[in-house]
Amino acid sequence: MRHRLRGHLFQGRYKAILVKSEAETYFRNVSDYIHLNPARADLIEPGKKLSDFPWSSFPALIGIPRKRPAGLAAERVVCGREHK
């Protein structure tokens, strides 16, 4: 290996599992896990907030709507429903 990196992140195949929007409870649990994981894993630097964590979509969720990436369904994640 070029950088001699090993471990779960660097081995095996990528696997994506579809989370259906109709499964409200499961969708909420997955969303909470994804967005709160940096705090739960103690990855936030002392004196910083979860919204300062650069490797998460959480800052975009709570940030200025016009600056959000087009594919980020913030209304679905924050409000629990599709924006229509």
PDB file of N, CA and C in Angstrom:
ATOM      1  N   MET A   1       0.824  -1.182   0.000  1.00  0.00           N
ATOM      2  CA  MET A   1       0.000   0.000   0.000  1.00  0.00           C
ATOM      3  C   MET A   1       0.874   1.253   0.000  1.00  0.00           C
ATOM      4  N   ARG A   2       0.401   2.227  -0.700  1.00  0.00           N
ATOM      5  CA  ARG A   2       1.178   3.447  -0.862  1.00  0.00           C
ATOM      6  C   ARG A   2       1.456   4.162   0.461  1.00  0.00           C
ATOM      7  N   HIS A   3       0.404   4.357   1.275  1.00  0.00           N
ATOM      8  CA  HIS A   3       0.557   5.100   2.530  1.00  0.00           C
ATOM      9  C   HIS A   3       0.570   4.195   3.761  1.00  0.00           C
ATOM     10  N   ARG A   4       0.561   2.893   3.531  1.00  0.00           N
ATOM     11  CA  ARG A   4       0.569   1.901   4.604  1.00  0.00           C
ATOM     12  C   ARG A   4      -0.585   2.110   5.604  1.00  0.00           C
ATOM     13  N   LEU A   5      -1.739   2.475   5.083  1.00  0.00           N
ATOM     14  CA  LEU A   5      -2.909   2.679   5.918  1.00  0.00           C
ATOM     15  C   LEU A   5      -3.738   1.405   5.918  1.00  0.00           C
ATOM     16  N   ARG A   6      -4.181   1.006   7.089  1.00  0.00           N
ATOM     17  CA  ARG A   6      -4.980  -0.195   7.221  1.00  0.00           C
ATOM     18  C   ARG A   6      -6.129   0.084   8.177  1.00  0.00           C
ATOM     19  N   GLY A   7      -7.048  -0.802   8.183  1.00  0.00           N
ATOM     20  CA  GLY A   7      -8.158  -0.666   9.107  1.00  0.00           C
ATOM     21  C   GLY A   7      -9.484  -0.634   8.383  1.00  0.00           C
ATOM     22  N   HIS A   8     -10.553  -0.574   9.143  1.00  0.00           N
ATOM     23  CA  HIS A   8     -11.895  -0.681   8.588  1.00  0.00           C
ATOM     24  C   HIS A   8     -12.178   0.358   7.501  1.00  0.00           C
ATOM     25  N   LEU A   9     -11.735   1.571   7.700  1.00  0.00           N
ATOM     26  CA  LEU A   9     -11.995   2.630   6.730  1.00  0.00           C
ATOM     27  C   LEU A   9     -11.310   2.357   5.395  1.00  0.00           C
ATOM     28  N   PHE A  10     -10.173   1.711   5.425  1.00  0.00           N
ATOM     29  CA  PHE A  10      -9.362   1.539   4.223  1.00  0.00           C
ATOM     30  C   PHE A  10      -9.431   0.141   3.626  1.00  0.00           C
ATOM     31  N   GLN A  11     -10.272  -0.706   4.118  1.00  0.00           N
ATOM     32  CA  GLN A  11     -10.349  -2.050   3.560  1.00  0.00           C
ATOM     33  C   GLN A  11     -11.783  -2.418   3.244  1.00  0.00           C
ATOM     34  N   GLY A  12     -11.943  -3.376   2.402  1.00  0.00           N
ATOM     35  CA  GLY A  12     -13.272  -3.854   2.069  1.00  0.00           C
ATOM     36  C   GLY A  12     -13.963  -2.972   1.045  1.00  0.00           C
ATOM     37  N   ARG A  13     -15.132  -3.440   0.625  1.00  0.00           N
ATOM     38  CA  ARG A  13     -15.901  -2.724  -0.374  1.00  0.00           C
ATOM     39  C   ARG A  13     -16.874  -1.766   0.279  1.00  0.00           C
ATOM     40  N   TYR A  14     -17.166  -0.722  -0.432  1.00  0.00           N
ATOM     41  CA  TYR A  14     -18.160   0.248   0.035  1.00  0.00           C
ATOM     42  C   TYR A  14     -19.536  -0.387  -0.070  1.00  0.00           C
ATOM     43  N   LYS A  15     -20.381  -0.163   0.913  1.00  0.00           N
ATOM     44  CA  LYS A  15     -21.727  -0.709   0.899  1.00  0.00           C
ATOM     45  C   LYS A  15     -22.706   0.398   1.248  1.00  0.00           C
ATOM     46  N   ALA A  16     -23.664   0.613   0.397  1.00  0.00           N
ATOM     47  CA  ALA A  16     -24.691   1.618   0.638  1.00  0.00           C
ATOM     48  C   ALA A  16     -26.030   0.915   0.830  1.00  0.00           C
ATOM     49  N   ILE A  17     -26.771   1.346   1.808  1.00  0.00           N
ATOM     50  CA  ILE A  17     -28.087   0.784   2.076  1.00  0.00           C
ATOM     51  C   ILE A  17     -29.102   1.913   1.964  1.00  0.00           C
ATOM     52  N   LEU A  18     -30.125   1.706   1.177  1.00  0.00           N
ATOM     53  CA  LEU A  18     -31.172   2.700   0.985  1.00  0.00           C
ATOM     54  C   LEU A  18     -32.021   2.825   2.248  1.00  0.00           C
ATOM     55  N   VAL A  19     -32.198   4.041   2.708  1.00  0.00           N
ATOM     56  CA  VAL A  19     -33.076   4.310   3.841  1.00  0.00           C
ATOM     57  C   VAL A  19     -34.335   4.924   3.273  1.00  0.00           C
ATOM     58  N   LYS A  20     -35.410   4.176   3.297  1.00  0.00           N
ATOM     59  CA  LYS A  20     -36.659   4.643   2.718  1.00  0.00           C
ATOM     60  C   LYS A  20     -37.275   5.732   3.582  1.00  0.00           C
ATOM     61  N   SER A  21     -37.774   6.761   2.929  1.00  0.00           N
ATOM     62  CA  SER A  21     -38.330   7.902   3.657  1.00  0.00           C
ATOM     63  C   SER A  21     -39.618   7.552   4.388  1.00  0.00           C
ATOM     64  N   GLU A  22     -40.281   6.458   3.985  1.00  0.00           N
ATOM     65  CA  GLU A  22     -41.522   6.074   4.651  1.00  0.00           C
ATOM     66  C   GLU A  22     -41.263   5.503   6.041  1.00  0.00           C
ATOM     67  N   ALA A  23     -40.062   5.040   6.280  1.00  0.00           N
ATOM     68  CA  ALA A  23     -39.706   4.460   7.580  1.00  0.00           C
ATOM     69  C   ALA A  23     -39.267   5.589   8.508  1.00  0.00           C
ATOM     70  N   GLU A  24     -40.230   6.338   9.035  1.00  0.00           N
ATOM     71  CA  GLU A  24     -39.954   7.553   9.813  1.00  0.00           C
ATOM     72  C   GLU A  24     -38.971   7.333  10.957  1.00  0.00           C
ATOM     73  N   THR A  25     -39.238   6.356  11.798  1.00  0.00           N
ATOM     74  CA  THR A  25     -38.395   6.134  12.970  1.00  0.00           C
ATOM     75  C   THR A  25     -36.981   5.767  12.556  1.00  0.00           C
ATOM     76  N   TYR A  26     -36.853   4.867  11.586  1.00  0.00           N
ATOM     77  CA  TYR A  26     -35.529   4.446  11.144  1.00  0.00           C
ATOM     78  C   TYR A  26     -34.782   5.611  10.493  1.00  0.00           C
ATOM     79  N   PHE A  27     -35.471   6.388   9.660  1.00  0.00           N
ATOM     80  CA  PHE A  27     -34.852   7.536   9.016  1.00  0.00           C
ATOM     81  C   PHE A  27     -34.326   8.518  10.049  1.00  0.00           C
ATOM     82  N   ARG A  28     -35.118   8.813  11.074  1.00  0.00           N
ATOM     83  CA  ARG A  28     -34.709   9.746  12.134  1.00  0.00           C
ATOM     84  C   ARG A  28     -33.498   9.199  12.891  1.00  0.00           C
ATOM     85  N   ASN A  29     -33.508   7.907  13.199  1.00  0.00           N
ATOM     86  CA  ASN A  29     -32.386   7.298  13.911  1.00  0.00           C
ATOM     87  C   ASN A  29     -31.098   7.353  13.095  1.00  0.00           C
ATOM     88  N   VAL A  30     -31.198   7.059  11.808  1.00  0.00           N
ATOM     89  CA  VAL A  30     -30.023   7.108  10.941  1.00  0.00           C
ATOM     90  C   VAL A  30     -29.516   8.540  10.810  1.00  0.00           C
ATOM     91  N   SER A  31     -30.418   9.479  10.625  1.00  0.00           N
ATOM     92  CA  SER A  31     -30.033  10.884  10.504  1.00  0.00           C
ATOM     93  C   SER A  31     -29.354  11.384  11.779  1.00  0.00           C
ATOM     94  N   ASP A  32     -29.934  11.061  12.935  1.00  0.00           N
ATOM     95  CA  ASP A  32     -29.324  11.465  14.203  1.00  0.00           C
ATOM     96  C   ASP A  32     -27.944  10.851  14.369  1.00  0.00           C
ATOM     97  N   TYR A  33     -27.822   9.579  14.017  1.00  0.00           N
ATOM     98  CA  TYR A  33     -26.532   8.896  14.130  1.00  0.00           C
ATOM     99  C   TYR A  33     -25.472   9.591  13.269  1.00  0.00           C
ATOM    100  N   ILE A  34     -25.828   9.876  12.034  1.00  0.00           N
ATOM    101  CA  ILE A  34     -24.879  10.500  11.104  1.00  0.00           C
ATOM    102  C   ILE A  34     -24.444  11.877  11.596  1.00  0.00           C
ATOM    103  N   HIS A  35     -25.390  12.687  12.004  1.00  0.00           N
ATOM    104  CA  HIS A  35     -25.075  14.073  12.345  1.00  0.00           C
ATOM    105  C   HIS A  35     -24.515  14.256  13.755  1.00  0.00           C
ATOM    106  N   LEU A  36     -24.839  13.368  14.674  1.00  0.00           N
ATOM    107  CA  LEU A  36     -24.344  13.497  16.043  1.00  0.00           C
ATOM    108  C   LEU A  36     -23.109  12.639  16.320  1.00  0.00           C
ATOM    109  N   ASN A  37     -22.756  11.770  15.386  1.00  0.00           N
ATOM    110  CA  ASN A  37     -21.638  10.859  15.593  1.00  0.00           C
ATOM    111  C   ASN A  37     -20.321  11.560  15.927  1.00  0.00           C
ATOM    112  N   PRO A  38     -19.946  12.661  15.286  1.00  0.00           N
ATOM    113  CA  PRO A  38     -18.683  13.322  15.665  1.00  0.00           C
ATOM    114  C   PRO A  38     -18.654  13.738  17.139  1.00  0.00           C
ATOM    115  N   ALA A  39     -19.771  14.197  17.667  1.00  0.00           N
ATOM    116  CA  ALA A  39     -19.830  14.585  19.081  1.00  0.00           C
ATOM    117  C   ALA A  39     -19.788  13.356  19.979  1.00  0.00           C
ATOM    118  N   ARG A  40     -20.539  12.328  19.602  1.00  0.00           N
ATOM    119  CA  ARG A  40     -20.570  11.100  20.401  1.00  0.00           C
ATOM    120  C   ARG A  40     -19.220  10.397  20.399  1.00  0.00           C
ATOM    121  N   ALA A  41     -18.481  10.510  19.301  1.00  0.00           N
ATOM    122  CA  ALA A  41     -17.164   9.877  19.194  1.00  0.00           C
ATOM    123  C   ALA A  41     -16.060  10.767  19.760  1.00  0.00           C
ATOM    124  N   ASP A  42     -16.446  11.886  20.337  1.00  0.00           N
ATOM    125  CA  ASP A  42     -15.508  12.827  20.957  1.00  0.00           C
ATOM    126  C   ASP A  42     -14.468  13.348  19.954  1.00  0.00           C
ATOM    127  N   LEU A  43     -14.939  13.678  18.754  1.00  0.00           N
ATOM    128  CA  LEU A  43     -14.068  14.191  17.700  1.00  0.00           C
ATOM    129  C   LEU A  43     -14.049  15.723  17.642  1.00  0.00           C
ATOM    130  N   ILE A  44     -14.891  16.354  18.434  1.00  0.00           N
ATOM    131  CA  ILE A  44     -14.974  17.806  18.445  1.00  0.00           C
ATOM    132  C   ILE A  44     -13.869  18.353  19.349  1.00  0.00           C
ATOM    133  N   GLU A  45     -13.111  19.280  18.837  1.00  0.00           N
ATOM    134  CA  GLU A  45     -12.022  19.872  19.616  1.00  0.00           C
ATOM    135  C   GLU A  45     -12.577  20.659  20.797  1.00  0.00           C
ATOM    136  N   PRO A  46     -11.854  20.688  21.905  1.00  0.00           N
ATOM    137  CA  PRO A  46     -12.315  21.467  23.063  1.00  0.00           C
ATOM    138  C   PRO A  46     -12.565  22.935  22.672  1.00  0.00           C
ATOM    139  N   GLY A  47     -13.651  23.471  23.146  1.00  0.00           N
ATOM    140  CA  GLY A  47     -14.009  24.853  22.849  1.00  0.00           C
ATOM    141  C   GLY A  47     -14.748  25.023  21.536  1.00  0.00           C
ATOM    142  N   LYS A  48     -14.889  23.960  20.759  1.00  0.00           N
ATOM    143  CA  LYS A  48     -15.596  24.015  19.479  1.00  0.00           C
ATOM    144  C   LYS A  48     -16.984  23.419  19.631  1.00  0.00           C
ATOM    145  N   LYS A  49     -17.841  23.662  18.635  1.00  0.00           N
ATOM    146  CA  LYS A  49     -19.196  23.131  18.621  1.00  0.00           C
ATOM    147  C   LYS A  49     -19.332  22.136  17.476  1.00  0.00           C
ATOM    148  N   LEU A  50     -20.379  21.352  17.528  1.00  0.00           N
ATOM    149  CA  LEU A  50     -20.652  20.394  16.454  1.00  0.00           C
ATOM    150  C   LEU A  50     -20.778  21.119  15.116  1.00  0.00           C
ATOM    151  N   SER A  51     -21.319  22.324  15.133  1.00  0.00           N
ATOM    152  CA  SER A  51     -21.476  23.091  13.891  1.00  0.00           C
ATOM    153  C   SER A  51     -20.138  23.537  13.306  1.00  0.00           C
ATOM    154  N   ASP A  52     -19.050  23.430  14.065  1.00  0.00           N
ATOM    155  CA  ASP A  52     -17.714  23.776  13.574  1.00  0.00           C
ATOM    156  C   ASP A  52     -16.999  22.580  12.947  1.00  0.00           C
ATOM    157  N   PHE A  53     -17.553  21.379  13.095  1.00  0.00           N
ATOM    158  CA  PHE A  53     -16.892  20.167  12.597  1.00  0.00           C
ATOM    159  C   PHE A  53     -16.914  20.174  11.063  1.00  0.00           C
ATOM    160  N   PRO A  54     -15.738  20.159  10.425  1.00  0.00           N
ATOM    161  CA  PRO A  54     -15.678  20.345   8.977  1.00  0.00           C
ATOM    162  C   PRO A  54     -16.084  19.130   8.137  1.00  0.00           C
ATOM    163  N   TRP A  55     -16.126  17.942   8.708  1.00  0.00           N
ATOM    164  CA  TRP A  55     -16.377  16.729   7.930  1.00  0.00           C
ATOM    165  C   TRP A  55     -17.804  16.230   8.119  1.00  0.00           C
ATOM    166  N   SER A  56     -18.742  17.127   8.249  1.00  0.00           N
ATOM    167  CA  SER A  56     -20.134  16.765   8.468  1.00  0.00           C
ATOM    168  C   SER A  56     -21.037  17.691   7.667  1.00  0.00           C
ATOM    169  N   SER A  57     -22.234  17.209   7.334  1.00  0.00           N
ATOM    170  CA  SER A  57     -23.209  18.057   6.655  1.00  0.00           C
ATOM    171  C   SER A  57     -24.040  18.849   7.669  1.00  0.00           C
ATOM    172  N   PHE A  58     -23.822  18.621   8.951  1.00  0.00           N
ATOM    173  CA  PHE A  58     -24.581  19.324   9.989  1.00  0.00           C
ATOM    174  C   PHE A  58     -24.493  20.846   9.866  1.00  0.00           C
ATOM    175  N   PRO A  59     -23.294  21.434   9.663  1.00  0.00           N
ATOM    176  CA  PRO A  59     -23.238  22.888   9.506  1.00  0.00           C
ATOM    177  C   PRO A  59     -24.095  23.398   8.337  1.00  0.00           C
ATOM    178  N   ALA A  60     -24.171  22.627   7.256  1.00  0.00           N
ATOM    179  CA  ALA A  60     -24.996  23.035   6.118  1.00  0.00           C
ATOM    180  C   ALA A  60     -26.480  22.932   6.452  1.00  0.00           C
ATOM    181  N   LEU A  61     -26.844  21.950   7.284  1.00  0.00           N
ATOM    182  CA  LEU A  61     -28.247  21.795   7.677  1.00  0.00           C
ATOM    183  C   LEU A  61     -28.744  22.996   8.462  1.00  0.00           C
ATOM    184  N   ILE A  62     -27.907  23.503   9.344  1.00  0.00           N
ATOM    185  CA  ILE A  62     -28.342  24.607  10.199  1.00  0.00           C
ATOM    186  C   ILE A  62     -27.931  25.968   9.657  1.00  0.00           C
ATOM    187  N   GLY A  63     -27.214  25.962   8.545  1.00  0.00           N
ATOM    188  CA  GLY A  63     -26.708  27.206   7.970  1.00  0.00           C
ATOM    189  C   GLY A  63     -27.691  27.901   7.053  1.00  0.00           C
ATOM    190  N   ILE A  64     -27.179  28.805   6.274  1.00  0.00           N
ATOM    191  CA  ILE A  64     -27.976  29.611   5.355  1.00  0.00           C
ATOM    192  C   ILE A  64     -28.512  28.725   4.227  1.00  0.00           C
ATOM    193  N   PRO A  65     -29.838  28.673   4.049  1.00  0.00           N
ATOM    194  CA  PRO A  65     -30.425  27.775   3.050  1.00  0.00           C
ATOM    195  C   PRO A  65     -29.871  27.938   1.638  1.00  0.00           C
ATOM    196  N   ARG A  66     -29.616  29.144   1.190  1.00  0.00           N
ATOM    197  CA  ARG A  66     -29.142  29.321  -0.190  1.00  0.00           C
ATOM    198  C   ARG A  66     -27.711  28.821  -0.391  1.00  0.00           C
ATOM    199  N   LYS A  67     -26.997  28.572   0.689  1.00  0.00           N
ATOM    200  CA  LYS A  67     -25.627  28.082   0.579  1.00  0.00           C
ATOM    201  C   LYS A  67     -25.532  26.557   0.716  1.00  0.00           C
ATOM    202  N   ARG A  68     -26.666  25.889   0.901  1.00  0.00           N
ATOM    203  CA  ARG A  68     -26.680  24.433   1.032  1.00  0.00           C
ATOM    204  C   ARG A  68     -26.421  23.762  -0.310  1.00  0.00           C
ATOM    205  N   PRO A  69     -25.759  22.603  -0.296  1.00  0.00           N
ATOM    206  CA  PRO A  69     -25.610  21.836  -1.532  1.00  0.00           C
ATOM    207  C   PRO A  69     -26.989  21.438  -2.058  1.00  0.00           C
ATOM    208  N   ALA A  70     -27.129  21.382  -3.360  1.00  0.00           N
ATOM    209  CA  ALA A  70     -28.428  21.108  -3.975  1.00  0.00           C
ATOM    210  C   ALA A  70     -29.014  19.767  -3.535  1.00  0.00           C
ATOM    211  N   GLY A  71     -28.202  18.764  -3.304  1.00  0.00           N
ATOM    212  CA  GLY A  71     -28.702  17.439  -2.946  1.00  0.00           C
ATOM    213  C   GLY A  71     -29.004  17.243  -1.481  1.00  0.00           C
ATOM    214  N   LEU A  72     -28.812  18.243  -0.670  1.00  0.00           N
ATOM    215  CA  LEU A  72     -29.047  18.120   0.766  1.00  0.00           C
ATOM    216  C   LEU A  72     -30.493  18.461   1.078  1.00  0.00           C
ATOM    217  N   ALA A  73     -31.267  17.448   1.432  1.00  0.00           N
ATOM    218  CA  ALA A  73     -32.696  17.630   1.729  1.00  0.00           C
ATOM    219  C   ALA A  73     -32.858  18.046   3.180  1.00  0.00           C
ATOM    220  N   ALA A  74     -32.511  19.276   3.484  1.00  0.00           N
ATOM    221  CA  ALA A  74     -32.502  19.763   4.864  1.00  0.00           C
ATOM    222  C   ALA A  74     -33.882  19.708   5.506  1.00  0.00           C
ATOM    223  N   GLU A  75     -34.926  20.039   4.775  1.00  0.00           N
ATOM    224  CA  GLU A  75     -36.272  20.021   5.341  1.00  0.00           C
ATOM    225  C   GLU A  75     -36.634  18.616   5.789  1.00  0.00           C
ATOM    226  N   ARG A  76     -36.225  17.633   5.028  1.00  0.00           N
ATOM    227  CA  ARG A  76     -36.525  16.240   5.358  1.00  0.00           C
ATOM    228  C   ARG A  76     -35.813  15.830   6.642  1.00  0.00           C
ATOM    229  N   VAL A  77     -34.586  16.269   6.811  1.00  0.00           N
ATOM    230  CA  VAL A  77     -33.794  15.879   7.974  1.00  0.00           C
ATOM    231  C   VAL A  77     -34.210  16.678   9.211  1.00  0.00           C
ATOM    232  N   VAL A  78     -34.335  17.983   9.076  1.00  0.00           N
ATOM    233  CA  VAL A  78     -34.617  18.840  10.227  1.00  0.00           C
ATOM    234  C   VAL A  78     -36.083  18.766  10.642  1.00  0.00           C
ATOM    235  N   CYS A  79     -36.980  18.857   9.695  1.00  0.00           N
ATOM    236  CA  CYS A  79     -38.414  18.916  10.018  1.00  0.00           C
ATOM    237  C   CYS A  79     -39.090  17.554  10.014  1.00  0.00           C
ATOM    238  N   GLY A  80     -38.433  16.558   9.427  1.00  0.00           N
ATOM    239  CA  GLY A  80     -39.035  15.228   9.377  1.00  0.00           C
ATOM    240  C   GLY A  80     -40.024  15.047   8.247  1.00  0.00           C
ATOM    241  N   ARG A  81     -40.008  15.955   7.282  1.00  0.00           N
ATOM    242  CA  ARG A  81     -40.933  15.819   6.146  1.00  0.00           C
ATOM    243  C   ARG A  81     -40.306  16.433   4.903  1.00  0.00           C
ATOM    244  N   GLU A  82     -40.838  16.041   3.762  1.00  0.00           N
ATOM    245  CA  GLU A  82     -40.384  16.561   2.479  1.00  0.00           C
ATOM    246  C   GLU A  82     -40.867  17.987   2.306  1.00  0.00           C
ATOM    247  N   HIS A  83     -40.029  18.831   1.691  1.00  0.00           N
ATOM    248  CA  HIS A  83     -40.446  20.190   1.350  1.00  0.00           C
ATOM    249  C   HIS A  83     -41.204  20.132   0.037  1.00  0.00           C
ATOM    250  N   LYS A  84     -42.377  20.727  -0.025  1.00  0.00           N
ATOM    251  CA  LYS A  84     -43.174  20.683  -1.257  1.00  0.00           C
ATOM    252  C   LYS A  84     -43.484  22.054  -1.746  1.00  0.00           C
TER     253      LYS A  84
END
